[in-house]
Amino acid sequence: MRTRPMRIQQLSKFTRHLSALVVLFLCTSLPVAATAVIDFAVIQQQAEFAAVAYQPENRVRDLVESKNYRLGLYHTISDIQMSYFLATNDSTKTQVIAVRGTANVENAMLDVALKLLTDEKTGARLHEGFSYAAKRVYAELKPLFKADYKIHATGHSLGGAVALILAMYLDADRFNIEQVITFGQPKVTNFPGAMKIQHINVIRVVTPGDLVPLVPPFDPLDIQNIDIYWHAGKEVILLDKNQYALLEGADSMLRATSFTQKALNEENLTNHYMNIYLDRVRAKMKSPQRVPYRHSFNLFNLFGADPGS
């Protein structure tokens, strides 16, 4: 006798969330233009900067100078174990910030807390831990930035998250942020925060099996909550060989649902390593081929049953 009320309640819940999904998708799911060009030479250079951030200062200096930059600052904030460097090319009037992340995916998952706090400088709600680290780095770097130079920011894993928030701080202070390219970066803000920085050229590079860019997890059932975590910018998915896919907005967010439908495995751990990112980027240097990305997302599965059954 309880079956009909339960089915009606389930259908009502389904309809409510479906309506919210439709509205949000109309606002955020405009497809990335088919003519959008991804410059893998630029991505490779930033990947090399992000990778060398894990190395000691002498290795960083060698790499930076091989790219015609000079190393302006290499430093580790010891109490939060956050390392970063600033490199400058005076010929092109370009500065690059690279922030070291967490190479171990298990440590990265432990470090990702869920609390969002309103940031006074940007007005956006930001991840508490990432924004704290970014403030510490920014306080040390700000005197070294040049107002008439272009600034690039990069980092892997948690370093990518801090690099993106640094770009938000630089933008708030009216520096010229030309690009942000991150690798395996977790989310740092909510939906309004991501919309606030749409004007910044953000490219998030991911591998298909890396779990870290999908945390904190996206739950479509929580779609009516405006404070849910949300990614900013375009997402470049490094597929096999020379292929890649390009997503943005809700299309990008829905990738997380595939991980809720199957058990995690060793591949999810190895896919986060920076050397895997470098190898996959290098495979795209000659004749990169953009292909469609197909979701395994099934809206009906989210509610435990097909409401039409």
C-alpha atoms as a PDB file:
ATOM      1  CA  MET A   1       0.000   0.000   0.000  1.00  0.00           C
ATOM      2  CA  ARG A   2       2.972   2.303   0.449  1.00  0.00           C
ATOM      3  CA  THR A   3       4.236   1.774  -3.073  1.00  0.00           C
ATOM      4  CA  ARG A   4       2.160   4.479  -4.792  1.00  0.00           C
ATOM      5  CA  PRO A   5       2.984   7.348  -2.334  1.00  0.00           C
ATOM      6  CA  MET A   6       6.633   6.356  -2.479  1.00  0.00           C
ATOM      7  CA  ARG A   7       6.611   6.353  -6.289  1.00  0.00           C
ATOM      8  CA  ILE A   8       4.832   9.731  -6.363  1.00  0.00           C
ATOM      9  CA  GLN A   9       7.390  11.171  -3.958  1.00  0.00           C
ATOM     10  CA  GLN A  10      10.220   9.745  -6.016  1.00  0.00           C
ATOM     11  CA  LEU A  11       8.744  11.154  -9.228  1.00  0.00           C
ATOM     12  CA  SER A  12       8.292  14.580  -7.599  1.00  0.00           C
ATOM     13  CA  LYS A  13      11.906  14.541  -6.459  1.00  0.00           C
ATOM     14  CA  PHE A  14      13.032  13.499  -9.923  1.00  0.00           C
ATOM     15  CA  THR A  15      11.000  16.267 -11.592  1.00  0.00           C
ATOM     16  CA  ARG A  16      12.312  18.934  -9.207  1.00  0.00           C
ATOM     17  CA  HIS A  17      15.949  18.041  -9.789  1.00  0.00           C
ATOM     18  CA  LEU A  18      15.442  17.578 -13.511  1.00  0.00           C
ATOM     19  CA  SER A  19      14.056  21.129 -13.723  1.00  0.00           C
ATOM     20  CA  ALA A  20      17.076  22.459 -11.837  1.00  0.00           C
ATOM     21  CA  LEU A  21      19.437  20.559 -14.111  1.00  0.00           C
ATOM     22  CA  VAL A  22      17.749  21.900 -17.244  1.00  0.00           C
ATOM     23  CA  VAL A  23      17.954  25.506 -16.037  1.00  0.00           C
ATOM     24  CA  LEU A  24      21.596  25.159 -15.040  1.00  0.00           C
ATOM     25  CA  PHE A  25      22.563  23.452 -18.279  1.00  0.00           C
ATOM     26  CA  LEU A  26      20.909  26.185 -20.332  1.00  0.00           C
ATOM     27  CA  CYS A  27      23.051  28.705 -18.450  1.00  0.00           C
ATOM     28  CA  THR A  28      26.345  26.843 -18.499  1.00  0.00           C
ATOM     29  CA  SER A  29      26.388  24.091 -21.117  1.00  0.00           C
ATOM     30  CA  LEU A  30      27.017  26.082 -24.243  1.00  0.00           C
ATOM     31  CA  PRO A  31      29.396  23.809 -26.205  1.00  0.00           C
ATOM     32  CA  VAL A  32      32.994  24.859 -26.675  1.00  0.00           C
ATOM     33  CA  ALA A  33      33.304  26.159 -30.224  1.00  0.00           C
ATOM     34  CA  ALA A  34      34.412  23.512 -32.695  1.00  0.00           C
ATOM     35  CA  THR A  35      36.997  25.980 -33.974  1.00  0.00           C
ATOM     36  CA  ALA A  36      38.536  26.516 -30.520  1.00  0.00           C
ATOM     37  CA  VAL A  37      42.281  26.051 -30.858  1.00  0.00           C
ATOM     38  CA  ILE A  38      44.383  24.373 -28.180  1.00  0.00           C
ATOM     39  CA  ASP A  39      48.086  25.197 -28.477  1.00  0.00           C
ATOM     40  CA  PHE A  40      49.863  22.135 -27.127  1.00  0.00           C
ATOM     41  CA  ALA A  41      53.266  23.824 -27.452  1.00  0.00           C
ATOM     42  CA  VAL A  42      52.105  26.345 -24.836  1.00  0.00           C
ATOM     43  CA  ILE A  43      50.593  23.587 -22.698  1.00  0.00           C
ATOM     44  CA  GLN A  44      53.822  21.584 -22.883  1.00  0.00           C
ATOM     45  CA  GLN A  45      55.922  24.521 -21.703  1.00  0.00           C
ATOM     46  CA  GLN A  46      53.596  25.136 -18.774  1.00  0.00           C
ATOM     47  CA  ALA A  47      53.593  21.397 -17.991  1.00  0.00           C
ATOM     48  CA  GLU A  48      57.380  21.497 -17.813  1.00  0.00           C
ATOM     49  CA  PHE A  49      57.235  24.462 -15.434  1.00  0.00           C
ATOM     50  CA  ALA A  50      54.656  22.677 -13.271  1.00  0.00           C
ATOM     51  CA  ALA A  51      56.721  19.476 -13.235  1.00  0.00           C
ATOM     52  CA  VAL A  52      60.022  21.130 -12.357  1.00  0.00           C
ATOM     53  CA  ALA A  53      58.376  22.845  -9.369  1.00  0.00           C
ATOM     54  CA  TYR A  54      58.838  19.484  -7.595  1.00  0.00           C
ATOM     55  CA  GLN A  55      62.615  19.710  -8.108  1.00  0.00           C
ATOM     56  CA  PRO A  56      65.352  21.510  -6.113  1.00  0.00           C
ATOM     57  CA  GLU A  57      66.318  25.072  -6.969  1.00  0.00           C
ATOM     58  CA  ASN A  58      69.276  24.178  -9.217  1.00  0.00           C
ATOM     59  CA  ARG A  59      67.050  21.994 -11.428  1.00  0.00           C
ATOM     60  CA  VAL A  60      64.422  24.733 -11.566  1.00  0.00           C
ATOM     61  CA  ARG A  61      67.032  27.307 -12.569  1.00  0.00           C
ATOM     62  CA  ASP A  62      68.379  25.078 -15.360  1.00  0.00           C
ATOM     63  CA  LEU A  63      64.919  24.516 -16.841  1.00  0.00           C
ATOM     64  CA  VAL A  64      63.883  28.140 -16.550  1.00  0.00           C
ATOM     65  CA  GLU A  65      67.065  29.403 -18.224  1.00  0.00           C
ATOM     66  CA  SER A  66      66.694  26.843 -21.027  1.00  0.00           C
ATOM     67  CA  LYS A  67      63.361  28.549 -21.809  1.00  0.00           C
ATOM     68  CA  ASN A  68      65.009  32.017 -21.879  1.00  0.00           C
ATOM     69  CA  TYR A  69      63.624  33.007 -18.490  1.00  0.00           C
ATOM     70  CA  ARG A  70      65.499  34.023 -15.374  1.00  0.00           C
ATOM     71  CA  LEU A  71      64.621  32.694 -11.957  1.00  0.00           C
ATOM     72  CA  GLY A  72      63.443  35.591  -9.821  1.00  0.00           C
ATOM     73  CA  LEU A  73      62.422  33.665  -6.704  1.00  0.00           C
ATOM     74  CA  TYR A  74      62.364  30.076  -5.524  1.00  0.00           C
ATOM     75  CA  HIS A  75      60.969  29.550  -2.061  1.00  0.00           C
ATOM     76  CA  THR A  76      59.279  27.084   0.270  1.00  0.00           C
ATOM     77  CA  ILE A  77      56.928  28.296   2.988  1.00  0.00           C
ATOM     78  CA  SER A  78      58.002  25.711   5.520  1.00  0.00           C
ATOM     79  CA  ASP A  79      55.020  25.672   7.890  1.00  0.00           C
ATOM     80  CA  ILE A  80      52.592  24.805   5.079  1.00  0.00           C
ATOM     81  CA  GLN A  81      55.135  22.976   2.883  1.00  0.00           C
ATOM     82  CA  MET A  82      54.250  25.101  -0.138  1.00  0.00           C
ATOM     83  CA  SER A  83      56.981  25.585  -2.743  1.00  0.00           C
ATOM     84  CA  TYR A  84      56.788  27.880  -5.736  1.00  0.00           C
ATOM     85  CA  PHE A  85      58.931  29.902  -8.107  1.00  0.00           C
ATOM     86  CA  LEU A  86      58.651  33.026 -10.235  1.00  0.00           C
ATOM     87  CA  ALA A  87      60.406  33.205 -13.609  1.00  0.00           C
ATOM     88  CA  THR A  88      60.692  36.287 -15.836  1.00  0.00           C
ATOM     89  CA  ASN A  89      61.396  36.769 -19.525  1.00  0.00           C
ATOM     90  CA  ASP A  90      62.257  40.436 -20.062  1.00  0.00           C
ATOM     91  CA  SER A  91      62.336  40.086 -23.863  1.00  0.00           C
ATOM     92  CA  THR A  92      58.696  39.013 -24.087  1.00  0.00           C
ATOM     93  CA  LYS A  93      57.709  40.852 -20.904  1.00  0.00           C
ATOM     94  CA  THR A  94      56.270  37.680 -19.413  1.00  0.00           C
ATOM     95  CA  GLN A  95      56.309  36.305 -15.872  1.00  0.00           C
ATOM     96  CA  VAL A  96      55.447  32.732 -14.881  1.00  0.00           C
ATOM     97  CA  ILE A  97      54.337  31.530 -11.457  1.00  0.00           C
ATOM     98  CA  ALA A  98      54.603  27.779 -10.854  1.00  0.00           C
ATOM     99  CA  VAL A  99      53.363  26.181  -7.637  1.00  0.00           C
ATOM    100  CA  ARG A 100      54.331  22.711  -6.470  1.00  0.00           C
ATOM    101  CA  GLY A 101      51.463  20.366  -5.695  1.00  0.00           C
ATOM    102  CA  THR A 102      50.995  16.939  -4.179  1.00  0.00           C
ATOM    103  CA  ALA A 103      52.300  14.111  -6.340  1.00  0.00           C
ATOM    104  CA  ASN A 104      50.521  11.429  -4.301  1.00  0.00           C
ATOM    105  CA  VAL A 105      46.800  11.235  -5.090  1.00  0.00           C
ATOM    106  CA  GLU A 106      45.992   9.743  -1.683  1.00  0.00           C
ATOM    107  CA  ASN A 107      47.608  12.714   0.067  1.00  0.00           C
ATOM    108  CA  ALA A 108      45.800  15.056  -2.299  1.00  0.00           C
ATOM    109  CA  MET A 109      42.455  13.505  -1.369  1.00  0.00           C
ATOM    110  CA  LEU A 110      43.224  13.876   2.333  1.00  0.00           C
ATOM    111  CA  ASP A 111      44.205  17.529   1.862  1.00  0.00           C
ATOM    112  CA  VAL A 112      40.995  18.482   0.055  1.00  0.00           C
ATOM    113  CA  ALA A 113      38.627  19.829   2.704  1.00  0.00           C
ATOM    114  CA  LEU A 114      35.125  20.940   1.768  1.00  0.00           C
ATOM    115  CA  LYS A 115      34.713  24.304   3.486  1.00  0.00           C
ATOM    116  CA  LEU A 116      34.128  27.388   1.339  1.00  0.00           C
ATOM    117  CA  LEU A 117      34.754  30.839   2.802  1.00  0.00           C
ATOM    118  CA  THR A 118      34.031  34.250   1.286  1.00  0.00           C
ATOM    119  CA  ASP A 119      37.307  35.844   0.220  1.00  0.00           C
ATOM    120  CA  GLU A 120      37.509  39.573   0.933  1.00  0.00           C
ATOM    121  CA  LYS A 121      39.875  40.340  -1.939  1.00  0.00           C
ATOM    122  CA  THR A 122      37.946  38.660  -4.746  1.00  0.00           C
ATOM    123  CA  GLY A 123      34.434  38.534  -3.297  1.00  0.00           C
ATOM    124  CA  ALA A 124      34.258  34.863  -4.310  1.00  0.00           C
ATOM    125  CA  ARG A 125      33.756  31.893  -2.045  1.00  0.00           C
ATOM    126  CA  LEU A 126      36.984  29.900  -2.061  1.00  0.00           C
ATOM    127  CA  HIS A 127      38.298  26.652  -0.648  1.00  0.00           C
ATOM    128  CA  GLU A 128      39.586  27.524   2.827  1.00  0.00           C
ATOM    129  CA  GLY A 129      42.912  25.662   2.666  1.00  0.00           C
ATOM    130  CA  PHE A 130      43.827  26.615  -0.895  1.00  0.00           C
ATOM    131  CA  SER A 131      43.017  30.291  -0.364  1.00  0.00           C
ATOM    132  CA  TYR A 132      45.095  30.388   2.842  1.00  0.00           C
ATOM    133  CA  ALA A 133      48.101  28.988   0.977  1.00  0.00           C
ATOM    134  CA  ALA A 134      47.532  31.374  -1.944  1.00  0.00           C
ATOM    135  CA  LYS A 135      47.444  34.381   0.386  1.00  0.00           C
ATOM    136  CA  ARG A 136      50.770  33.376   1.895  1.00  0.00           C
ATOM    137  CA  VAL A 137      52.384  32.961  -1.527  1.00  0.00           C
ATOM    138  CA  TYR A 138      50.845  36.158  -2.893  1.00  0.00           C
ATOM    139  CA  ALA A 139      52.161  38.244   0.001  1.00  0.00           C
ATOM    140  CA  GLU A 140      55.706  37.156  -0.889  1.00  0.00           C
ATOM    141  CA  LEU A 141      55.341  37.446  -4.671  1.00  0.00           C
ATOM    142  CA  LYS A 142      53.360  40.658  -5.091  1.00  0.00           C
ATOM    143  CA  PRO A 143      56.347  43.044  -4.811  1.00  0.00           C
ATOM    144  CA  LEU A 144      58.051  41.144  -7.657  1.00  0.00           C
ATOM    145  CA  PHE A 145      55.261  41.383 -10.212  1.00  0.00           C
ATOM    146  CA  LYS A 146      55.653  43.914 -13.026  1.00  0.00           C
ATOM    147  CA  ALA A 147      52.569  45.909 -13.938  1.00  0.00           C
ATOM    148  CA  ASP A 148      53.399  46.031 -17.658  1.00  0.00           C
ATOM    149  CA  TYR A 149      54.207  42.314 -17.984  1.00  0.00           C
ATOM    150  CA  LYS A 150      51.924  39.419 -18.939  1.00  0.00           C
ATOM    151  CA  ILE A 151      51.570  36.857 -16.164  1.00  0.00           C
ATOM    152  CA  HIS A 152      51.075  33.107 -16.543  1.00  0.00           C
ATOM    153  CA  ALA A 153      50.201  30.794 -13.650  1.00  0.00           C
ATOM    154  CA  THR A 154      50.568  27.031 -13.531  1.00  0.00           C
ATOM    155  CA  GLY A 155      50.752  24.103 -11.151  1.00  0.00           C
ATOM    156  CA  HIS A 156      49.912  20.450 -10.726  1.00  0.00           C
ATOM    157  CA  SER A 157      47.348  19.008  -8.320  1.00  0.00           C
ATOM    158  CA  LEU A 158      46.940  21.232  -5.256  1.00  0.00           C
ATOM    159  CA  GLY A 159      49.563  23.529  -6.787  1.00  0.00           C
ATOM    160  CA  GLY A 160      47.185  24.129  -9.684  1.00  0.00           C
ATOM    161  CA  ALA A 161      44.436  25.087  -7.250  1.00  0.00           C
ATOM    162  CA  VAL A 162      46.706  27.625  -5.542  1.00  0.00           C
ATOM    163  CA  ALA A 163      47.899  28.926  -8.936  1.00  0.00           C
ATOM    164  CA  LEU A 164      44.308  29.617 -10.001  1.00  0.00           C
ATOM    165  CA  ILE A 165      43.557  31.538  -6.795  1.00  0.00           C
ATOM    166  CA  LEU A 166      46.798  33.509  -7.250  1.00  0.00           C
ATOM    167  CA  ALA A 167      45.514  34.480 -10.694  1.00  0.00           C
ATOM    168  CA  MET A 168      42.259  35.643  -9.108  1.00  0.00           C
ATOM    169  CA  TYR A 169      44.213  37.824  -6.677  1.00  0.00           C
ATOM    170  CA  LEU A 170      46.332  39.240  -9.488  1.00  0.00           C
ATOM    171  CA  ASP A 171      43.216  39.978 -11.511  1.00  0.00           C
ATOM    172  CA  ALA A 172      41.652  41.742  -8.519  1.00  0.00           C
ATOM    173  CA  ASP A 173      44.773  43.926  -8.324  1.00  0.00           C
ATOM    174  CA  ARG A 174      44.530  44.634 -12.066  1.00  0.00           C
ATOM    175  CA  PHE A 175      47.645  42.799 -13.182  1.00  0.00           C
ATOM    176  CA  ASN A 176      47.614  41.350 -16.700  1.00  0.00           C
ATOM    177  CA  ILE A 177      46.784  37.645 -16.315  1.00  0.00           C
ATOM    178  CA  GLU A 178      47.282  36.240 -19.801  1.00  0.00           C
ATOM    179  CA  GLN A 179      46.652  32.590 -18.977  1.00  0.00           C
ATOM    180  CA  VAL A 180      46.252  29.973 -16.271  1.00  0.00           C
ATOM    181  CA  ILE A 181      47.072  26.377 -17.207  1.00  0.00           C
ATOM    182  CA  THR A 182      46.729  23.748 -14.495  1.00  0.00           C
ATOM    183  CA  PHE A 183      47.187  19.970 -14.424  1.00  0.00           C
ATOM    184  CA  GLY A 184      45.041  17.642 -12.330  1.00  0.00           C
ATOM    185  CA  GLN A 185      43.610  20.588 -10.385  1.00  0.00           C
ATOM    186  CA  PRO A 186      40.817  20.102  -7.818  1.00  0.00           C
ATOM    187  CA  LYS A 187      37.955  22.602  -7.605  1.00  0.00           C
ATOM    188  CA  VAL A 188      38.557  25.842  -5.719  1.00  0.00           C
ATOM    189  CA  THR A 189      35.274  27.785  -5.801  1.00  0.00           C
ATOM    190  CA  ASN A 190      31.512  27.528  -6.287  1.00  0.00           C
ATOM    191  CA  PHE A 191      29.282  28.242  -9.284  1.00  0.00           C
ATOM    192  CA  PRO A 192      29.084  32.056  -8.756  1.00  0.00           C
ATOM    193  CA  GLY A 193      32.839  32.151  -8.177  1.00  0.00           C
ATOM    194  CA  ALA A 194      33.510  30.334 -11.434  1.00  0.00           C
ATOM    195  CA  MET A 195      31.201  32.740 -13.277  1.00  0.00           C
ATOM    196  CA  LYS A 196      33.028  35.697 -11.711  1.00  0.00           C
ATOM    197  CA  ILE A 197      36.315  34.747 -13.416  1.00  0.00           C
ATOM    198  CA  GLN A 198      34.970  33.790 -16.842  1.00  0.00           C
ATOM    199  CA  HIS A 199      37.069  36.588 -18.336  1.00  0.00           C
ATOM    200  CA  ILE A 200      40.312  34.906 -17.218  1.00  0.00           C
ATOM    201  CA  ASN A 201      41.800  32.479 -19.748  1.00  0.00           C
ATOM    202  CA  VAL A 202      41.756  29.288 -17.656  1.00  0.00           C
ATOM    203  CA  ILE A 203      42.682  25.916 -19.165  1.00  0.00           C
ATOM    204  CA  ARG A 204      42.478  22.872 -16.918  1.00  0.00           C
ATOM    205  CA  VAL A 205      44.340  19.883 -18.313  1.00  0.00           C
ATOM    206  CA  VAL A 206      43.194  16.469 -17.054  1.00  0.00           C
ATOM    207  CA  THR A 207      43.717  12.787 -17.792  1.00  0.00           C
ATOM    208  CA  PRO A 208      40.552  10.677 -18.152  1.00  0.00           C
ATOM    209  CA  GLY A 209      41.189   8.543 -15.079  1.00  0.00           C
ATOM    210  CA  ASP A 210      42.519  11.185 -12.679  1.00  0.00           C
ATOM    211  CA  LEU A 211      40.147  11.505  -9.728  1.00  0.00           C
ATOM    212  CA  VAL A 212      41.621  14.676  -8.185  1.00  0.00           C
ATOM    213  CA  PRO A 213      40.101  17.164 -10.705  1.00  0.00           C
ATOM    214  CA  LEU A 214      36.688  15.738  -9.804  1.00  0.00           C
ATOM    215  CA  VAL A 215      36.911  16.539  -6.090  1.00  0.00           C
ATOM    216  CA  PRO A 216      35.118  17.720  -4.135  1.00  0.00           C
ATOM    217  CA  PRO A 217      32.596  15.405  -5.860  1.00  0.00           C
ATOM    218  CA  PHE A 218      29.758  16.805  -7.943  1.00  0.00           C
ATOM    219  CA  ASP A 219      26.361  15.474  -6.910  1.00  0.00           C
ATOM    220  CA  PRO A 220      23.628  16.285  -9.470  1.00  0.00           C
ATOM    221  CA  LEU A 221      21.060  15.810  -6.691  1.00  0.00           C
ATOM    222  CA  ASP A 222      22.547  18.890  -5.012  1.00  0.00           C
ATOM    223  CA  ILE A 223      22.196  20.975  -8.150  1.00  0.00           C
ATOM    224  CA  GLN A 224      19.815  23.460  -6.491  1.00  0.00           C
ATOM    225  CA  ASN A 225      22.518  24.431  -4.001  1.00  0.00           C
ATOM    226  CA  ILE A 226      24.283  27.487  -5.460  1.00  0.00           C
ATOM    227  CA  ASP A 227      27.224  26.844  -3.123  1.00  0.00           C
ATOM    228  CA  ILE A 228      28.265  23.561  -4.756  1.00  0.00           C
ATOM    229  CA  TYR A 229      31.861  23.377  -5.957  1.00  0.00           C
ATOM    230  CA  TRP A 230      32.265  24.272  -9.618  1.00  0.00           C
ATOM    231  CA  HIS A 231      35.194  24.351 -12.047  1.00  0.00           C
ATOM    232  CA  ALA A 232      36.216  27.445 -13.994  1.00  0.00           C
ATOM    233  CA  GLY A 233      37.517  27.571 -17.542  1.00  0.00           C
ATOM    234  CA  LYS A 234      37.922  25.033 -20.318  1.00  0.00           C
ATOM    235  CA  GLU A 235      38.837  21.417 -19.611  1.00  0.00           C
ATOM    236  CA  VAL A 236      41.275  19.683 -21.956  1.00  0.00           C
ATOM    237  CA  ILE A 237      41.017  15.893 -21.557  1.00  0.00           C
ATOM    238  CA  LEU A 238      44.193  14.123 -22.650  1.00  0.00           C
ATOM    239  CA  LEU A 239      42.892  11.010 -24.388  1.00  0.00           C
ATOM    240  CA  ASP A 240      45.034   8.254 -25.917  1.00  0.00           C
ATOM    241  CA  LYS A 241      47.715   8.975 -28.504  1.00  0.00           C
ATOM    242  CA  ASN A 242      47.114  12.292 -30.311  1.00  0.00           C
ATOM    243  CA  GLN A 243      43.448  12.652 -29.326  1.00  0.00           C
ATOM    244  CA  TYR A 244      41.921  15.085 -26.864  1.00  0.00           C
ATOM    245  CA  ALA A 245      38.478  16.371 -25.904  1.00  0.00           C
ATOM    246  CA  LEU A 246      37.388  19.833 -24.837  1.00  0.00           C
ATOM    247  CA  LEU A 247      34.625  20.468 -22.291  1.00  0.00           C
ATOM    248  CA  GLU A 248      33.281  23.401 -20.311  1.00  0.00           C
ATOM    249  CA  GLY A 249      30.609  24.153 -17.698  1.00  0.00           C
ATOM    250  CA  ALA A 250      28.124  21.443 -16.788  1.00  0.00           C
ATOM    251  CA  ASP A 251      29.511  19.094 -19.450  1.00  0.00           C
ATOM    252  CA  SER A 252      32.812  19.164 -17.612  1.00  0.00           C
ATOM    253  CA  MET A 253      31.191  18.728 -14.210  1.00  0.00           C
ATOM    254  CA  LEU A 254      29.224  15.659 -15.310  1.00  0.00           C
ATOM    255  CA  ARG A 255      32.432  13.710 -15.910  1.00  0.00           C
ATOM    256  CA  ALA A 256      32.457  13.092 -12.146  1.00  0.00           C
ATOM    257  CA  THR A 257      29.310  10.988 -12.333  1.00  0.00           C
ATOM    258  CA  SER A 258      31.153   8.188 -14.130  1.00  0.00           C
ATOM    259  CA  PHE A 259      33.330   7.707 -11.063  1.00  0.00           C
ATOM    260  CA  THR A 260      30.289   7.186  -8.856  1.00  0.00           C
ATOM    261  CA  GLN A 261      29.188   4.275 -11.012  1.00  0.00           C
ATOM    262  CA  LYS A 262      32.308   2.081 -10.755  1.00  0.00           C
ATOM    263  CA  ALA A 263      34.955   1.147  -8.213  1.00  0.00           C
ATOM    264  CA  LEU A 264      38.199   3.128  -8.058  1.00  0.00           C
ATOM    265  CA  ASN A 265      41.387   1.305  -9.008  1.00  0.00           C
ATOM    266  CA  GLU A 266      45.157   1.680  -9.346  1.00  0.00           C
ATOM    267  CA  GLU A 267      44.701   3.491 -12.651  1.00  0.00           C
ATOM    268  CA  ASN A 268      43.014   6.379 -10.829  1.00  0.00           C
ATOM    269  CA  LEU A 269      46.175   6.780  -8.746  1.00  0.00           C
ATOM    270  CA  THR A 270      48.717   6.601 -11.573  1.00  0.00           C
ATOM    271  CA  ASN A 271      46.661   8.918 -13.799  1.00  0.00           C
ATOM    272  CA  HIS A 272      47.380  11.768 -11.386  1.00  0.00           C
ATOM    273  CA  TYR A 273      51.175  11.595 -11.710  1.00  0.00           C
ATOM    274  CA  MET A 274      52.732  14.625 -13.399  1.00  0.00           C
ATOM    275  CA  ASN A 275      54.942  12.416 -15.603  1.00  0.00           C
ATOM    276  CA  ILE A 276      51.768  10.868 -17.062  1.00  0.00           C
ATOM    277  CA  TYR A 277      50.520  14.359 -17.874  1.00  0.00           C
ATOM    278  CA  LEU A 278      53.813  15.225 -19.560  1.00  0.00           C
ATOM    279  CA  ASP A 279      53.777  12.045 -21.651  1.00  0.00           C
ATOM    280  CA  ARG A 280      50.190  12.607 -22.783  1.00  0.00           C
ATOM    281  CA  VAL A 281      50.836  16.266 -23.658  1.00  0.00           C
ATOM    282  CA  ARG A 282      53.916  15.337 -25.692  1.00  0.00           C
ATOM    283  CA  ALA A 283      51.841  12.822 -27.648  1.00  0.00           C
ATOM    284  CA  LYS A 284      49.675  15.742 -28.841  1.00  0.00           C
ATOM    285  CA  MET A 285      52.534  17.840 -30.201  1.00  0.00           C
ATOM    286  CA  LYS A 286      52.157  16.483 -33.732  1.00  0.00           C
ATOM    287  CA  SER A 287      48.735  16.581 -35.367  1.00  0.00           C
ATOM    288  CA  PRO A 288      46.524  16.763 -32.258  1.00  0.00           C
ATOM    289  CA  GLN A 289      43.012  15.522 -33.008  1.00  0.00           C
ATOM    290  CA  ARG A 290      39.997  16.865 -31.151  1.00  0.00           C
ATOM    291  CA  VAL A 291      37.233  14.286 -30.700  1.00  0.00           C
ATOM    292  CA  PRO A 292      33.828  14.365 -28.937  1.00  0.00           C
ATOM    293  CA  TYR A 293      33.691  13.266 -25.310  1.00  0.00           C
ATOM    294  CA  ARG A 294      30.873  10.878 -24.482  1.00  0.00           C
ATOM    295  CA  HIS A 295      29.446  10.823 -20.979  1.00  0.00           C
ATOM    296  CA  SER A 296      28.159   7.678 -19.304  1.00  0.00           C
ATOM    297  CA  PHE A 297      25.824   9.901 -17.261  1.00  0.00           C
ATOM    298  CA  ASN A 298      22.308   8.497 -16.742  1.00  0.00           C
ATOM    299  CA  LEU A 299      19.988  10.881 -14.909  1.00  0.00           C
ATOM    300  CA  PHE A 300      17.492   8.123 -14.007  1.00  0.00           C
ATOM    301  CA  ASN A 301      20.165   6.104 -12.197  1.00  0.00           C
ATOM    302  CA  LEU A 302      20.647   8.951  -9.717  1.00  0.00           C
ATOM    303  CA  PHE A 303      17.237   8.306  -8.177  1.00  0.00           C
ATOM    304  CA  GLY A 304      17.588   4.568  -7.686  1.00  0.00           C
ATOM    305  CA  ALA A 305      15.002   3.692 -10.347  1.00  0.00           C
ATOM    306  CA  ASP A 306      13.541   4.745 -13.628  1.00  0.00           C
ATOM    307  CA  PRO A 307      10.438   6.770 -12.715  1.00  0.00           C
ATOM    308  CA  GLY A 308       8.712   5.383 -15.753  1.00  0.00           C
ATOM    309  CA  SER A 309       9.134   1.757 -14.676  1.00  0.00           C
END
